[in-house]
Amino acid sequence: MKLEKDKLNKKAMEMQRKIKEHEEKVSKDIEDVHKRQSMGNKNKSKSPQKGKFIPYPEDARPNPFLAKTYEDLPQRPNFLRKIDAH
């Protein structure tokens, strides 16, 4: 019984350590982003240039539908089957 309790305590401590490390990493990343944004704001005090490349936001997620393949439509429309619905 005591061994199981010790194992669970060890797992809990390990998870707490991982969570704390992750929180520190996230807070550091947030600080870095704020620093980059403040540096960008200093440069933006000048008149903005039109037509300049604007990068995507850092949190842009990949589009899962770009890699999806779809079936080609048949060459002749008479191959399409009519589906009775409602």
C-alpha atoms as a PDB file:
ATOM      1  CA  MET A   1       0.000   0.000   0.000  1.00  0.00           C
ATOM      2  CA  LYS A   2       2.794   2.381   0.930  1.00  0.00           C
ATOM      3  CA  LEU A   3       4.697   1.552  -2.262  1.00  0.00           C
ATOM      4  CA  GLU A   4       1.670   2.409  -4.378  1.00  0.00           C
ATOM      5  CA  LYS A   5       1.258   5.676  -2.503  1.00  0.00           C
ATOM      6  CA  ASP A   6       4.925   6.500  -3.057  1.00  0.00           C
ATOM      7  CA  LYS A   7       4.611   5.715  -6.771  1.00  0.00           C
ATOM      8  CA  LEU A   8       1.562   7.956  -7.090  1.00  0.00           C
ATOM      9  CA  ASN A   9       3.298  10.746  -5.182  1.00  0.00           C
ATOM     10  CA  LYS A  10       6.301  10.426  -7.481  1.00  0.00           C
ATOM     11  CA  LYS A  11       4.067  10.626 -10.569  1.00  0.00           C
ATOM     12  CA  ALA A  12       2.252  13.648  -9.136  1.00  0.00           C
ATOM     13  CA  MET A  13       5.531  15.441  -8.406  1.00  0.00           C
ATOM     14  CA  GLU A  14       6.798  14.664 -11.914  1.00  0.00           C
ATOM     15  CA  MET A  15       3.604  16.017 -13.474  1.00  0.00           C
ATOM     16  CA  GLN A  16       3.804  19.170 -11.345  1.00  0.00           C
ATOM     17  CA  ARG A  17       7.401  19.676 -12.456  1.00  0.00           C
ATOM     18  CA  LYS A  18       6.452  19.253 -16.124  1.00  0.00           C
ATOM     19  CA  ILE A  19       3.541  21.671 -15.746  1.00  0.00           C
ATOM     20  CA  LYS A  20       5.772  24.232 -14.075  1.00  0.00           C
ATOM     21  CA  GLU A  21       8.406  23.900 -16.829  1.00  0.00           C
ATOM     22  CA  HIS A  22       5.722  24.262 -19.486  1.00  0.00           C
ATOM     23  CA  GLU A  23       4.270  27.358 -17.773  1.00  0.00           C
ATOM     24  CA  GLU A  24       7.741  28.923 -17.591  1.00  0.00           C
ATOM     25  CA  LYS A  25       8.323  28.185 -21.266  1.00  0.00           C
ATOM     26  CA  VAL A  26       4.966  29.681 -22.248  1.00  0.00           C
ATOM     27  CA  SER A  27       5.546  32.805 -20.164  1.00  0.00           C
ATOM     28  CA  LYS A  28       8.991  33.222 -21.725  1.00  0.00           C
ATOM     29  CA  ASP A  29       7.496  32.840 -25.214  1.00  0.00           C
ATOM     30  CA  ILE A  30       4.847  35.444 -24.393  1.00  0.00           C
ATOM     31  CA  GLU A  31       7.504  37.854 -23.154  1.00  0.00           C
ATOM     32  CA  ASP A  32       9.510  37.311 -26.342  1.00  0.00           C
ATOM     33  CA  VAL A  33       6.441  38.028 -28.459  1.00  0.00           C
ATOM     34  CA  HIS A  34       5.753  41.214 -26.500  1.00  0.00           C
ATOM     35  CA  LYS A  35       9.360  42.305 -26.968  1.00  0.00           C
ATOM     36  CA  ARG A  36       9.173  41.658 -30.721  1.00  0.00           C
ATOM     37  CA  GLN A  37       5.881  43.524 -30.943  1.00  0.00           C
ATOM     38  CA  SER A  38       7.270  46.489 -29.012  1.00  0.00           C
ATOM     39  CA  MET A  39      10.301  46.530 -31.304  1.00  0.00           C
ATOM     40  CA  GLY A  40       7.936  46.418 -34.276  1.00  0.00           C
ATOM     41  CA  ASN A  41       5.896  49.311 -32.887  1.00  0.00           C
ATOM     42  CA  LYS A  42       9.015  51.465 -32.655  1.00  0.00           C
ATOM     43  CA  ASN A  43       9.708  50.859 -36.330  1.00  0.00           C
ATOM     44  CA  LYS A  44       6.066  51.474 -37.249  1.00  0.00           C
ATOM     45  CA  SER A  45       6.107  55.014 -35.874  1.00  0.00           C
ATOM     46  CA  LYS A  46       7.318  56.046 -39.331  1.00  0.00           C
ATOM     47  CA  SER A  47       4.781  56.321 -42.147  1.00  0.00           C
ATOM     48  CA  PRO A  48       3.697  52.812 -43.216  1.00  0.00           C
ATOM     49  CA  GLN A  49       4.795  51.635 -46.648  1.00  0.00           C
ATOM     50  CA  LYS A  50       2.039  50.464 -48.933  1.00  0.00           C
ATOM     51  CA  GLY A  51       2.435  47.127 -50.656  1.00  0.00           C
ATOM     52  CA  LYS A  52       4.948  45.859 -48.130  1.00  0.00           C
ATOM     53  CA  PHE A  53       4.829  42.140 -47.324  1.00  0.00           C
ATOM     54  CA  ILE A  54       2.797  41.467 -44.187  1.00  0.00           C
ATOM     55  CA  PRO A  55       3.720  38.156 -42.509  1.00  0.00           C
ATOM     56  CA  TYR A  56       1.120  35.731 -41.220  1.00  0.00           C
ATOM     57  CA  PRO A  57       0.501  35.773 -37.459  1.00  0.00           C
ATOM     58  CA  GLU A  58       2.674  33.404 -35.465  1.00  0.00           C
ATOM     59  CA  ASP A  59      -0.292  31.383 -34.228  1.00  0.00           C
ATOM     60  CA  ALA A  60      -1.487  30.555 -37.764  1.00  0.00           C
ATOM     61  CA  ARG A  61      -2.518  26.928 -37.910  1.00  0.00           C
ATOM     62  CA  PRO A  62      -2.078  24.657 -40.920  1.00  0.00           C
ATOM     63  CA  ASN A  63      -5.148  24.065 -43.063  1.00  0.00           C
ATOM     64  CA  PRO A  64      -6.020  20.335 -42.947  1.00  0.00           C
ATOM     65  CA  PHE A  65      -8.114  20.614 -46.123  1.00  0.00           C
ATOM     66  CA  LEU A  66      -5.149  21.612 -48.294  1.00  0.00           C
ATOM     67  CA  ALA A  67      -3.672  18.106 -48.187  1.00  0.00           C
ATOM     68  CA  LYS A  68      -6.995  16.309 -48.727  1.00  0.00           C
ATOM     69  CA  THR A  69      -7.560  14.704 -52.104  1.00  0.00           C
ATOM     70  CA  TYR A  70     -10.956  14.554 -53.697  1.00  0.00           C
ATOM     71  CA  GLU A  71     -12.405  12.172 -56.272  1.00  0.00           C
ATOM     72  CA  ASP A  72     -12.629  13.494 -59.801  1.00  0.00           C
ATOM     73  CA  LEU A  73     -16.059  14.057 -61.286  1.00  0.00           C
ATOM     74  CA  PRO A  74     -17.018  11.618 -64.044  1.00  0.00           C
ATOM     75  CA  GLN A  75     -16.465  12.801 -67.617  1.00  0.00           C
ATOM     76  CA  ARG A  76     -20.081  12.219 -68.659  1.00  0.00           C
ATOM     77  CA  PRO A  77     -22.955  13.489 -66.544  1.00  0.00           C
ATOM     78  CA  ASN A  78     -25.092  10.418 -67.371  1.00  0.00           C
ATOM     79  CA  PHE A  79     -22.794   8.379 -65.100  1.00  0.00           C
ATOM     80  CA  LEU A  80     -24.061  10.352 -62.144  1.00  0.00           C
ATOM     81  CA  ARG A  81     -26.737   8.496 -60.246  1.00  0.00           C
ATOM     82  CA  LYS A  82     -29.807  10.295 -59.017  1.00  0.00           C
ATOM     83  CA  ILE A  83     -30.157  10.092 -55.242  1.00  0.00           C
ATOM     84  CA  ASP A  84     -33.666  10.250 -53.856  1.00  0.00           C
ATOM     85  CA  ALA A  85     -33.733  12.303 -50.701  1.00  0.00           C
ATOM     86  CA  HIS A  86     -36.654  13.364 -48.586  1.00  0.00           C
END
